[in-house]
Amino acid sequence: MQLQLNLLEGPVPLEHVLDGLPDDERRALVVALARLIAQVAVPEECDRDE
């Protein structure tokens, strides 16, 4: 399974968006993306079985 975020297909290159954010907001964005990827990669059914 592959999660397609299409982050590179925006009107502004992603690196410019991230560079424009303060450190705490950049960290929060990375954490949110990591949680989203983890939720997609590990379905809830797997969590319930353990």
N, C-alpha and C. Protein backbone atom coordinates (compact mmCIF):
# COMPACT_ATOMS: atom_id res chain seq x y z
N MET A 1 0.84 -1.17 0.00
CA MET A 1 0.00 0.00 0.00
C MET A 1 0.89 1.24 0.00
N GLN A 2 0.48 2.23 -0.76
CA GLN A 2 1.25 3.48 -0.82
C GLN A 2 0.32 4.66 -0.59
N LEU A 3 0.70 5.51 0.33
CA LEU A 3 -0.05 6.72 0.62
C LEU A 3 0.50 7.84 -0.24
N GLN A 4 -0.33 8.39 -1.10
CA GLN A 4 0.10 9.48 -1.96
C GLN A 4 -0.37 10.81 -1.38
N LEU A 5 0.59 11.64 -1.00
CA LEU A 5 0.25 12.93 -0.43
C LEU A 5 0.35 14.06 -1.44
N ASN A 6 1.05 13.82 -2.54
CA ASN A 6 1.25 14.83 -3.57
C ASN A 6 1.76 16.15 -2.99
N LEU A 7 2.69 16.05 -2.06
CA LEU A 7 3.24 17.25 -1.43
C LEU A 7 4.12 18.04 -2.38
N LEU A 8 4.61 17.39 -3.41
CA LEU A 8 5.52 18.08 -4.32
C LEU A 8 4.78 18.76 -5.46
N GLU A 9 3.46 18.62 -5.51
CA GLU A 9 2.69 19.19 -6.60
C GLU A 9 1.92 20.43 -6.17
N GLY A 10 2.52 21.24 -5.36
CA GLY A 10 1.85 22.46 -4.90
C GLY A 10 2.32 23.67 -5.67
N PRO A 11 1.70 24.81 -5.43
CA PRO A 11 2.10 26.03 -6.14
C PRO A 11 3.47 26.56 -5.68
N VAL A 12 3.90 26.13 -4.50
CA VAL A 12 5.19 26.55 -3.96
C VAL A 12 5.96 25.28 -3.59
N PRO A 13 7.25 25.22 -3.90
CA PRO A 13 8.01 24.03 -3.50
C PRO A 13 7.91 23.79 -2.00
N LEU A 14 7.79 22.54 -1.61
CA LEU A 14 7.61 22.18 -0.20
C LEU A 14 8.71 22.73 0.68
N GLU A 15 9.94 22.73 0.19
CA GLU A 15 11.05 23.23 1.02
C GLU A 15 10.86 24.69 1.39
N HIS A 16 10.24 25.49 0.52
CA HIS A 16 10.00 26.90 0.83
C HIS A 16 8.91 27.04 1.89
N VAL A 17 7.93 26.17 1.83
CA VAL A 17 6.85 26.21 2.82
C VAL A 17 7.42 25.86 4.19
N LEU A 18 8.20 24.79 4.26
CA LEU A 18 8.77 24.37 5.54
C LEU A 18 9.77 25.39 6.07
N ASP A 19 10.56 25.97 5.19
CA ASP A 19 11.53 26.98 5.63
C ASP A 19 10.85 28.22 6.19
N GLY A 20 9.64 28.49 5.74
CA GLY A 20 8.92 29.67 6.19
C GLY A 20 8.23 29.51 7.52
N LEU A 21 8.19 28.29 8.03
CA LEU A 21 7.52 28.03 9.31
C LEU A 21 8.48 28.15 10.48
N PRO A 22 8.00 28.65 11.61
CA PRO A 22 8.82 28.62 12.83
C PRO A 22 9.09 27.16 13.23
N ASP A 23 10.15 26.93 13.97
CA ASP A 23 10.56 25.58 14.34
C ASP A 23 9.45 24.77 15.00
N ASP A 24 8.71 25.38 15.94
CA ASP A 24 7.68 24.63 16.65
C ASP A 24 6.54 24.23 15.71
N GLU A 25 6.19 25.08 14.77
CA GLU A 25 5.13 24.73 13.81
C GLU A 25 5.62 23.68 12.81
N ARG A 26 6.88 23.76 12.43
CA ARG A 26 7.45 22.75 11.53
C ARG A 26 7.44 21.38 12.20
N ARG A 27 7.82 21.34 13.49
CA ARG A 27 7.79 20.08 14.24
C ARG A 27 6.37 19.54 14.32
N ALA A 28 5.40 20.41 14.59
CA ALA A 28 4.01 19.98 14.70
C ALA A 28 3.51 19.41 13.37
N LEU A 29 3.91 20.02 12.26
CA LEU A 29 3.52 19.53 10.95
C LEU A 29 4.12 18.15 10.69
N VAL A 30 5.38 17.97 11.03
CA VAL A 30 6.03 16.68 10.81
C VAL A 30 5.37 15.60 11.68
N VAL A 31 5.05 15.93 12.91
CA VAL A 31 4.39 14.97 13.80
C VAL A 31 3.01 14.60 13.25
N ALA A 32 2.26 15.60 12.78
CA ALA A 32 0.93 15.32 12.22
C ALA A 32 1.03 14.43 10.99
N LEU A 33 1.99 14.70 10.11
CA LEU A 33 2.17 13.86 8.93
C LEU A 33 2.58 12.43 9.32
N ALA A 34 3.46 12.31 10.31
CA ALA A 34 3.88 10.98 10.77
C ALA A 34 2.71 10.20 11.34
N ARG A 35 1.85 10.86 12.10
CA ARG A 35 0.67 10.18 12.66
C ARG A 35 -0.29 9.75 11.56
N LEU A 36 -0.47 10.61 10.56
CA LEU A 36 -1.34 10.27 9.43
C LEU A 36 -0.80 9.06 8.68
N ILE A 37 0.49 9.06 8.42
CA ILE A 37 1.10 7.94 7.72
C ILE A 37 0.99 6.67 8.55
N ALA A 38 1.20 6.76 9.86
CA ALA A 38 1.09 5.59 10.73
C ALA A 38 -0.33 5.04 10.75
N GLN A 39 -1.33 5.90 10.77
CA GLN A 39 -2.72 5.45 10.78
C GLN A 39 -3.07 4.71 9.49
N VAL A 40 -2.53 5.19 8.37
CA VAL A 40 -2.81 4.54 7.10
C VAL A 40 -2.02 3.24 6.98
N ALA A 41 -0.79 3.25 7.46
CA ALA A 41 0.08 2.08 7.34
C ALA A 41 -0.35 0.95 8.26
N VAL A 42 -0.89 1.28 9.43
CA VAL A 42 -1.31 0.26 10.41
C VAL A 42 -2.79 0.46 10.68
N PRO A 43 -3.63 -0.28 9.97
CA PRO A 43 -5.08 -0.13 10.17
C PRO A 43 -5.50 -0.42 11.62
N GLU A 44 -6.61 0.14 12.03
CA GLU A 44 -7.09 -0.02 13.40
C GLU A 44 -7.35 -1.49 13.74
N GLU A 45 -7.72 -2.31 12.77
CA GLU A 45 -7.98 -3.72 13.06
C GLU A 45 -6.74 -4.39 13.64
N CYS A 46 -5.56 -4.01 13.17
CA CYS A 46 -4.31 -4.60 13.69
C CYS A 46 -4.10 -4.17 15.13
N ASP A 47 -4.44 -2.94 15.46
CA ASP A 47 -4.28 -2.45 16.83
C ASP A 47 -5.19 -3.20 17.80
N ARG A 48 -6.39 -3.56 17.37
CA ARG A 48 -7.35 -4.24 18.24
C ARG A 48 -6.95 -5.68 18.53
N ASP A 49 -6.26 -6.32 17.58
CA ASP A 49 -5.88 -7.72 17.76
C ASP A 49 -4.80 -7.89 18.82
N GLU A 50 -4.02 -6.89 19.05
CA GLU A 50 -2.91 -7.01 20.00
C GLU A 50 -3.32 -6.73 21.41
